Amino acid sequence: EINTTVTCLASHTYAKTPTAVAKLLINQLMECLALMAQKEERLVLLAQAHVDAERSRLRDSALFVQNGTMAALKHQQQEIGRMAEAFKRAPLGVVKESRKRLLHNGDFLRKTIYLHVQNLRSKMSNYHKLVEMADPKNILKRGFSITRAQNGKVIRHLKDAAKTKIMVTMLVDGKINSKIIDLVEE
């Protein structure tokens, strides 16, 4: 019969040899990395879906503006036709004043449409910047790192670090495996 120690029975997971412990740790690390890759992929997909939705909304808004513009232009053309008939009998001054009003209305409509499209572009640009800022890769590029315990949980406080012996720190260009020697509170 195999001898089993009380510490083996009391521990969460145990292995018979250091090689088996290393394999266990490597498997846990690989699972953690796979989970992180899935989370990253999901974040990228969600961000892309948000960007696509905003693009679609911008496209719909542009179509709405275009249809509104076409309807306004059609209405203006009809109005011009009615006015032309009425102005055939009206004095020349009234005709000039009406033309000025129509030109002013057309310019106002073009400016309004331009400002609306510019506003939508600005919003789209802001959403794109937010998505880029939230990307974990960009956060790592700014000099931050993510430190996790052996079990894959993020270490945020000393008390979290006190529960583990080995940490994995993710940097922009790789990972660092660290062994905790001492914890110092500030």
Protein backbone atom coordinates (compact mmCIF):
# COMPACT_ATOMS: atom_id res chain seq x y z
CA GLU A 1 0.00 0.00 0.00
CA ILE A 2 1.24 3.51 -0.83
CA ASN A 3 2.10 5.81 2.07
CA THR A 4 0.02 8.98 2.02
CA THR A 5 0.91 11.85 4.31
CA VAL A 6 -1.57 14.03 6.16
CA THR A 7 -0.34 17.07 4.20
CA CYS A 8 -1.20 15.31 0.94
CA LEU A 9 -4.70 14.62 2.22
CA ALA A 10 -5.12 18.18 3.51
CA SER A 11 -3.84 19.93 0.37
CA HIS A 12 -6.07 21.02 -2.49
CA THR A 13 -3.94 19.25 -5.08
CA TYR A 14 -0.77 17.22 -4.64
CA ALA A 15 1.62 15.35 -6.84
CA LYS A 16 4.14 12.64 -6.07
CA THR A 17 7.19 14.18 -7.75
CA PRO A 18 8.54 17.63 -8.55
CA THR A 19 8.09 16.78 -12.24
CA ALA A 20 4.42 16.04 -11.65
CA VAL A 21 4.08 19.36 -9.76
CA ALA A 22 5.71 21.19 -12.69
CA LYS A 23 3.34 19.51 -15.16
CA LEU A 24 0.39 20.47 -12.97
CA LEU A 25 1.55 24.10 -12.82
CA ILE A 26 2.17 24.21 -16.56
CA ASN A 27 -1.31 22.81 -17.23
CA GLN A 28 -2.86 25.42 -14.94
CA LEU A 29 -0.86 28.17 -16.65
CA MET A 30 -1.92 26.96 -20.08
CA GLU A 31 -5.56 26.92 -18.97
CA CYS A 32 -5.16 30.46 -17.64
CA LEU A 33 -3.58 31.62 -20.90
CA ALA A 34 -6.34 29.98 -22.91
CA LEU A 35 -8.96 31.68 -20.77
CA MET A 36 -7.23 35.03 -21.19
CA ALA A 37 -7.08 34.51 -24.95
CA GLN A 38 -10.80 33.74 -24.97
CA LYS A 39 -11.54 36.85 -22.91
CA GLU A 40 -9.37 38.97 -25.19
CA GLU A 41 -11.06 37.55 -28.27
CA ARG A 42 -14.47 38.24 -26.75
CA LEU A 43 -13.46 41.82 -25.88
CA VAL A 44 -12.21 42.39 -29.43
CA LEU A 45 -15.44 40.91 -30.85
CA LEU A 46 -17.58 43.08 -28.58
CA ALA A 47 -15.58 46.17 -29.49
CA GLN A 48 -15.85 45.34 -33.20
CA ALA A 49 -19.59 44.76 -32.83
CA HIS A 50 -19.92 48.14 -31.14
CA VAL A 51 -17.92 49.82 -33.91
CA ASP A 52 -20.00 48.01 -36.55
CA ALA A 53 -23.21 49.08 -34.84
CA GLU A 54 -22.03 52.68 -34.77
CA ARG A 55 -21.04 52.47 -38.42
CA SER A 56 -24.47 51.10 -39.23
CA ARG A 57 -26.10 53.87 -37.22
CA LEU A 58 -23.95 56.45 -39.01
CA ARG A 59 -24.90 54.90 -42.36
CA ASP A 60 -28.59 55.01 -41.38
CA SER A 61 -28.23 58.62 -40.28
CA ALA A 62 -26.52 59.52 -43.55
CA LEU A 63 -29.33 57.80 -45.46
CA PHE A 64 -31.89 59.67 -43.36
CA VAL A 65 -30.12 62.96 -44.09
CA GLN A 66 -29.88 62.10 -47.78
CA ASN A 67 -33.58 61.21 -47.99
CA GLY A 68 -34.49 64.33 -46.04
CA THR A 69 -32.33 66.41 -48.34
CA MET A 70 -33.89 64.89 -51.44
CA ALA A 71 -37.38 65.49 -50.05
CA ALA A 72 -36.46 69.07 -49.13
CA LEU A 73 -34.97 69.68 -52.57
CA LYS A 74 -38.05 68.22 -54.24
CA HIS A 75 -40.25 70.42 -52.09
CA GLN A 76 -38.08 73.44 -52.94
CA GLN A 77 -38.30 72.64 -56.64
CA GLN A 78 -42.08 72.42 -56.41
CA GLU A 79 -42.11 75.68 -54.50
CA ILE A 80 -39.92 77.26 -57.18
CA GLY A 81 -42.33 76.05 -59.85
CA ARG A 82 -45.32 77.56 -58.04
CA MET A 83 -43.46 80.77 -57.40
CA ALA A 84 -42.32 80.99 -61.01
CA GLU A 85 -45.92 80.92 -62.15
CA ALA A 86 -46.90 83.49 -59.55
CA PHE A 87 -43.92 85.70 -60.32
CA LYS A 88 -44.65 85.87 -63.99
CA ARG A 89 -47.26 88.37 -62.93
CA ALA A 90 -45.32 89.84 -59.97
CA PRO A 91 -42.91 92.76 -60.08
CA LEU A 92 -39.21 92.11 -60.60
CA GLY A 93 -38.29 93.07 -57.00
CA VAL A 94 -40.47 90.35 -55.51
CA VAL A 95 -38.83 87.78 -57.78
CA LYS A 96 -35.33 88.83 -56.68
CA GLU A 97 -36.30 88.69 -53.00
CA SER A 98 -37.77 85.21 -53.36
CA ARG A 99 -34.64 83.95 -55.12
CA LYS A 100 -32.52 85.28 -52.28
CA ARG A 101 -34.71 83.48 -49.76
CA LEU A 102 -34.52 80.22 -51.70
CA LEU A 103 -30.74 80.48 -51.99
CA HIS A 104 -30.47 81.24 -48.30
CA ASN A 105 -32.69 78.26 -47.42
CA GLY A 106 -30.59 75.99 -49.64
CA ASP A 107 -27.36 77.22 -48.03
CA PHE A 108 -28.87 76.79 -44.58
CA LEU A 109 -29.97 73.25 -45.44
CA ARG A 110 -26.49 72.34 -46.77
CA LYS A 111 -24.81 73.76 -43.66
CA THR A 112 -27.23 71.90 -41.37
CA ILE A 113 -26.61 68.62 -43.16
CA TYR A 114 -22.84 69.17 -43.12
CA LEU A 115 -22.85 69.91 -39.37
CA HIS A 116 -24.99 66.84 -38.66
CA VAL A 117 -22.64 64.57 -40.63
CA GLN A 118 -19.59 66.13 -38.93
CA ASN A 119 -21.20 65.53 -35.53
CA LEU A 120 -21.84 61.88 -36.37
CA ARG A 121 -18.24 61.46 -37.60
CA SER A 122 -16.93 62.99 -34.38
CA LYS A 123 -19.03 60.61 -32.28
CA MET A 124 -17.81 57.65 -34.33
CA SER A 125 -14.21 58.76 -33.86
CA ASN A 126 -14.74 59.08 -30.10
CA TYR A 127 -16.24 55.58 -29.90
CA HIS A 128 -13.29 54.21 -31.85
CA LYS A 129 -10.84 55.91 -29.45
CA LEU A 130 -12.69 54.45 -26.44
CA VAL A 131 -12.48 50.97 -27.91
CA GLU A 132 -8.72 51.41 -28.55
CA MET A 133 -8.13 52.70 -25.01
CA ALA A 134 -9.94 49.72 -23.48
CA ASP A 135 -7.89 47.19 -25.45
CA PRO A 136 -5.69 45.26 -22.97
CA LYS A 137 -2.79 45.29 -25.44
CA ASN A 138 -2.77 49.09 -25.47
CA ILE A 139 -2.90 49.20 -21.68
CA LEU A 140 0.20 46.98 -21.56
CA LYS A 141 1.92 49.23 -24.13
CA ARG A 142 1.48 52.22 -21.81
CA GLY A 143 3.73 50.55 -19.24
CA PHE A 144 1.19 48.70 -17.14
CA SER A 145 1.34 45.00 -16.36
CA ILE A 146 -1.06 42.34 -15.14
CA THR A 147 0.07 40.10 -12.27
CA ARG A 148 -1.75 36.87 -11.52
CA ALA A 149 -1.42 34.17 -8.88
CA GLN A 150 -0.77 30.54 -9.73
CA ASN A 151 -4.53 29.92 -9.90
CA GLY A 152 -4.96 32.68 -12.51
CA LYS A 153 -6.60 35.26 -10.24
CA VAL A 154 -5.42 38.85 -10.64
CA ILE A 155 -3.33 40.13 -7.72
CA ARG A 156 -4.51 43.60 -6.70
CA HIS A 157 -3.57 43.74 -3.01
CA LEU A 158 -0.86 42.38 -0.72
CA LYS A 159 -3.39 40.05 0.88
CA ASP A 160 -3.96 38.46 -2.56
CA ALA A 161 -0.21 38.00 -3.00
CA ALA A 162 0.14 36.49 0.47
CA LYS A 163 -1.99 33.55 -0.64
CA THR A 164 0.42 32.46 -3.38
CA LYS A 165 4.08 31.63 -3.76
CA ILE A 166 4.56 32.13 -7.48
CA MET A 167 3.17 34.95 -9.65
CA VAL A 168 2.97 35.43 -13.42
CA THR A 169 3.31 39.02 -14.64
CA MET A 170 2.16 39.83 -18.20
CA LEU A 171 4.05 42.59 -20.02
CA VAL A 172 3.62 43.98 -23.51
CA ASP A 173 6.29 41.66 -24.94
CA GLY A 174 6.07 38.55 -22.73
CA LYS A 175 5.63 37.14 -19.23
CA ILE A 176 7.67 36.98 -16.05
CA ASN A 177 7.32 34.16 -13.54
CA SER A 178 8.21 35.41 -10.05
CA LYS A 179 8.61 33.79 -6.66
CA ILE A 180 7.54 35.85 -3.67
CA ILE A 181 10.33 36.31 -1.16
CA ASP A 182 8.90 39.04 1.05
CA LEU A 183 5.78 41.26 1.24
CA VAL A 184 6.24 44.84 2.42
CA GLU A 185 3.28 47.13 3.21
CA GLU A 186 3.59 50.86 2.58
